[in-house]
């Protein structure tokens, strides 16, 4: 089981990036996938999740309206489209997948909920 993030880079404030999280070794079916980020000197924070069963999504207030999470079942990939980036979005971004979930599972952005993690991709936003 492996998750690989890509798409990070350096962008000016107001710009956009799209991060990808590709899975190998398992299918993303019946999983929740989330994006986390960790800025220097700060704790890792969860910012968004998607339920691959029903397509429902969630965003924290810090990214709501600017970031969009989506998935491509055929490519076994989850994306994070980031628009109107701000310097405070600078961080290493990680994707994570939960163990298999059911229709009654309550999805959370707590780290303990997720069993599989990628290695991270750096996003730097200059002012």
C-alpha atoms as a PDB file:
ATOM      1  CA  UNK A   1       0.000   0.000   0.000  1.00  0.00           C
ATOM      2  CA  UNK A   2       1.508   3.283  -1.079  1.00  0.00           C
ATOM      3  CA  UNK A   3       0.321   6.862  -1.451  1.00  0.00           C
ATOM      4  CA  UNK A   4       2.320   9.298  -3.539  1.00  0.00           C
ATOM      5  CA  UNK A   5       1.676  13.029  -3.595  1.00  0.00           C
ATOM      6  CA  UNK A   6       2.743  15.306  -6.410  1.00  0.00           C
ATOM      7  CA  UNK A   7       2.058  18.773  -7.728  1.00  0.00           C
ATOM      8  CA  UNK A   8       3.650  20.921  -5.075  1.00  0.00           C
ATOM      9  CA  UNK A   9       5.879  23.848  -5.888  1.00  0.00           C
ATOM     10  CA  UNK A  10       6.491  27.551  -5.553  1.00  0.00           C
ATOM     11  CA  UNK A  11       3.710  29.949  -6.464  1.00  0.00           C
ATOM     12  CA  UNK A  12       2.952  33.607  -5.872  1.00  0.00           C
ATOM     13  CA  UNK A  13       0.140  34.698  -3.621  1.00  0.00           C
ATOM     14  CA  UNK A  14      -3.149  34.520  -5.481  1.00  0.00           C
ATOM     15  CA  UNK A  15      -1.935  31.683  -7.659  1.00  0.00           C
ATOM     16  CA  UNK A  16      -3.123  28.094  -7.948  1.00  0.00           C
ATOM     17  CA  UNK A  17      -1.748  24.587  -7.654  1.00  0.00           C
ATOM     18  CA  UNK A  18      -3.287  21.162  -7.998  1.00  0.00           C
ATOM     19  CA  UNK A  19      -1.978  18.387  -5.793  1.00  0.00           C
ATOM     20  CA  UNK A  20      -2.435  14.738  -6.697  1.00  0.00           C
ATOM     21  CA  UNK A  21      -2.496  11.698  -4.433  1.00  0.00           C
ATOM     22  CA  UNK A  22      -2.092   8.427  -6.283  1.00  0.00           C
ATOM     23  CA  UNK A  23      -2.626   5.084  -4.597  1.00  0.00           C
ATOM     24  CA  UNK A  24      -0.979   1.796  -5.414  1.00  0.00           C
ATOM     25  CA  UNK A  25      -1.461  -1.562  -3.805  1.00  0.00           C
ATOM     26  CA  UNK A  26      -5.130  -0.970  -3.080  1.00  0.00           C
ATOM     27  CA  UNK A  27      -8.174   0.636  -4.579  1.00  0.00           C
ATOM     28  CA  UNK A  28      -9.513   3.862  -3.114  1.00  0.00           C
ATOM     29  CA  UNK A  29     -13.007   2.332  -2.988  1.00  0.00           C
ATOM     30  CA  UNK A  30     -14.661   2.351   0.435  1.00  0.00           C
ATOM     31  CA  UNK A  31     -12.065   4.684   1.893  1.00  0.00           C
ATOM     32  CA  UNK A  32     -11.936   8.228   3.136  1.00  0.00           C
ATOM     33  CA  UNK A  33      -9.031  10.257   1.832  1.00  0.00           C
ATOM     34  CA  UNK A  34      -7.854  13.443   3.451  1.00  0.00           C
ATOM     35  CA  UNK A  35      -5.317  16.154   2.933  1.00  0.00           C
ATOM     36  CA  UNK A  36      -3.215  17.389   5.819  1.00  0.00           C
ATOM     37  CA  UNK A  37      -0.552  20.036   5.957  1.00  0.00           C
ATOM     38  CA  UNK A  38       2.267  20.935   8.291  1.00  0.00           C
ATOM     39  CA  UNK A  39       3.910  24.325   8.325  1.00  0.00           C
ATOM     40  CA  UNK A  40       7.358  24.858   9.886  1.00  0.00           C
ATOM     41  CA  UNK A  41       7.115  24.927  13.655  1.00  0.00           C
ATOM     42  CA  UNK A  42       3.424  24.033  13.646  1.00  0.00           C
ATOM     43  CA  UNK A  43       1.430  20.904  14.238  1.00  0.00           C
ATOM     44  CA  UNK A  44       0.029  18.944  11.334  1.00  0.00           C
ATOM     45  CA  UNK A  45      -3.512  20.021  10.537  1.00  0.00           C
ATOM     46  CA  UNK A  46      -6.185  18.261   8.538  1.00  0.00           C
ATOM     47  CA  UNK A  47      -7.801  20.520   5.963  1.00  0.00           C
ATOM     48  CA  UNK A  48     -10.149  18.424   3.845  1.00  0.00           C
ATOM     49  CA  UNK A  49     -11.549  14.931   3.323  1.00  0.00           C
ATOM     50  CA  UNK A  50     -13.570  13.117   0.695  1.00  0.00           C
ATOM     51  CA  UNK A  51     -15.707  10.040   1.186  1.00  0.00           C
ATOM     52  CA  UNK A  52     -15.027   7.818  -1.799  1.00  0.00           C
ATOM     53  CA  UNK A  53     -18.286   5.965  -1.177  1.00  0.00           C
ATOM     54  CA  UNK A  54     -20.674   8.853  -1.694  1.00  0.00           C
ATOM     55  CA  UNK A  55     -18.467  11.738  -2.784  1.00  0.00           C
ATOM     56  CA  UNK A  56     -19.208  13.863   0.249  1.00  0.00           C
ATOM     57  CA  UNK A  57     -16.529  16.347   1.211  1.00  0.00           C
ATOM     58  CA  UNK A  58     -15.504  18.533   4.098  1.00  0.00           C
ATOM     59  CA  UNK A  59     -13.233  21.551   4.443  1.00  0.00           C
ATOM     60  CA  UNK A  60     -11.884  23.461   7.373  1.00  0.00           C
ATOM     61  CA  UNK A  61     -12.672  27.154   7.520  1.00  0.00           C
ATOM     62  CA  UNK A  62      -9.079  28.028   6.632  1.00  0.00           C
ATOM     63  CA  UNK A  63      -9.437  26.602   3.107  1.00  0.00           C
ATOM     64  CA  UNK A  64     -13.192  26.600   2.475  1.00  0.00           C
ATOM     65  CA  UNK A  65     -14.054  28.405  -0.720  1.00  0.00           C
ATOM     66  CA  UNK A  66     -10.485  28.265  -2.012  1.00  0.00           C
ATOM     67  CA  UNK A  67      -9.609  24.557  -2.070  1.00  0.00           C
ATOM     68  CA  UNK A  68     -11.523  21.742  -3.749  1.00  0.00           C
ATOM     69  CA  UNK A  69     -11.009  18.037  -3.129  1.00  0.00           C
ATOM     70  CA  UNK A  70     -12.032  15.557  -5.804  1.00  0.00           C
ATOM     71  CA  UNK A  71     -11.365  12.025  -6.904  1.00  0.00           C
ATOM     72  CA  UNK A  72     -10.920  10.116 -10.136  1.00  0.00           C
ATOM     73  CA  UNK A  73     -11.938   6.532  -9.567  1.00  0.00           C
ATOM     74  CA  UNK A  74     -10.502   5.311 -12.843  1.00  0.00           C
ATOM     75  CA  UNK A  75      -7.090   6.736 -12.000  1.00  0.00           C
ATOM     76  CA  UNK A  76      -7.269   5.809  -8.317  1.00  0.00           C
ATOM     77  CA  UNK A  77      -6.242   9.354  -7.563  1.00  0.00           C
ATOM     78  CA  UNK A  78      -7.485  12.120  -5.297  1.00  0.00           C
ATOM     79  CA  UNK A  79      -6.818  15.769  -6.076  1.00  0.00           C
ATOM     80  CA  UNK A  80      -6.646  18.990  -4.137  1.00  0.00           C
ATOM     81  CA  UNK A  81      -7.206  22.058  -6.278  1.00  0.00           C
ATOM     82  CA  UNK A  82      -5.863  25.078  -4.432  1.00  0.00           C
ATOM     83  CA  UNK A  83      -6.845  28.532  -5.639  1.00  0.00           C
ATOM     84  CA  UNK A  84      -6.160  32.011  -4.313  1.00  0.00           C
ATOM     85  CA  UNK A  85      -3.186  30.721  -2.380  1.00  0.00           C
ATOM     86  CA  UNK A  86      -1.880  32.751   0.538  1.00  0.00           C
ATOM     87  CA  UNK A  87       1.557  32.806   2.171  1.00  0.00           C
ATOM     88  CA  UNK A  88       0.020  31.122   5.214  1.00  0.00           C
ATOM     89  CA  UNK A  89      -0.772  28.100   3.024  1.00  0.00           C
ATOM     90  CA  UNK A  90       2.955  27.357   2.849  1.00  0.00           C
ATOM     91  CA  UNK A  91       3.473  23.863   4.247  1.00  0.00           C
ATOM     92  CA  UNK A  92       4.244  20.272   3.421  1.00  0.00           C
ATOM     93  CA  UNK A  93       1.019  18.716   2.215  1.00  0.00           C
ATOM     94  CA  UNK A  94       0.218  15.069   2.899  1.00  0.00           C
ATOM     95  CA  UNK A  95      -2.544  12.824   1.721  1.00  0.00           C
ATOM     96  CA  UNK A  96      -3.848  10.054   3.921  1.00  0.00           C
ATOM     97  CA  UNK A  97      -6.308   7.209   3.512  1.00  0.00           C
ATOM     98  CA  UNK A  98      -8.435   5.629   6.174  1.00  0.00           C
ATOM     99  CA  UNK A  99      -9.074   1.951   6.672  1.00  0.00           C
ATOM    100  CA  UNK A 100     -12.201   0.755   4.908  1.00  0.00           C
ATOM    101  CA  UNK A 101     -15.298   2.653   5.971  1.00  0.00           C
ATOM    102  CA  UNK A 102     -18.967   1.859   5.955  1.00  0.00           C
ATOM    103  CA  UNK A 103     -22.118   3.942   5.512  1.00  0.00           C
ATOM    104  CA  UNK A 104     -22.289   4.712   9.232  1.00  0.00           C
ATOM    105  CA  UNK A 105     -18.668   5.692   9.670  1.00  0.00           C
ATOM    106  CA  UNK A 106     -18.087   9.195  10.980  1.00  0.00           C
ATOM    107  CA  UNK A 107     -15.154  10.661   9.092  1.00  0.00           C
ATOM    108  CA  UNK A 108     -12.825  12.979  10.941  1.00  0.00           C
ATOM    109  CA  UNK A 109      -9.687  14.988  10.293  1.00  0.00           C
ATOM    110  CA  UNK A 110      -7.957  13.457  13.293  1.00  0.00           C
ATOM    111  CA  UNK A 111      -4.677  11.818  12.315  1.00  0.00           C
ATOM    112  CA  UNK A 112      -5.497   8.583  14.140  1.00  0.00           C
ATOM    113  CA  UNK A 113      -8.374   7.936  11.742  1.00  0.00           C
ATOM    114  CA  UNK A 114      -5.978   7.438   8.841  1.00  0.00           C
ATOM    115  CA  UNK A 115      -3.863   4.337   8.340  1.00  0.00           C
ATOM    116  CA  UNK A 116      -1.918   5.167   5.193  1.00  0.00           C
ATOM    117  CA  UNK A 117       0.157   8.261   4.541  1.00  0.00           C
ATOM    118  CA  UNK A 118       2.109   9.701   1.664  1.00  0.00           C
ATOM    119  CA  UNK A 119       5.552  11.215   1.928  1.00  0.00           C
ATOM    120  CA  UNK A 120       4.389  14.797   1.437  1.00  0.00           C
ATOM    121  CA  UNK A 121       4.871  17.502  -1.151  1.00  0.00           C
ATOM    122  CA  UNK A 122       6.106  21.023  -0.447  1.00  0.00           C
ATOM    123  CA  UNK A 123       3.923  23.994  -1.259  1.00  0.00           C
ATOM    124  CA  UNK A 124       5.500  27.420  -0.933  1.00  0.00           C
ATOM    125  CA  UNK A 125       3.504  30.600  -1.482  1.00  0.00           C
ATOM    126  CA  UNK A 126       5.467  33.815  -1.836  1.00  0.00           C
ATOM    127  CA  UNK A 127       4.026  37.210  -0.994  1.00  0.00           C
END
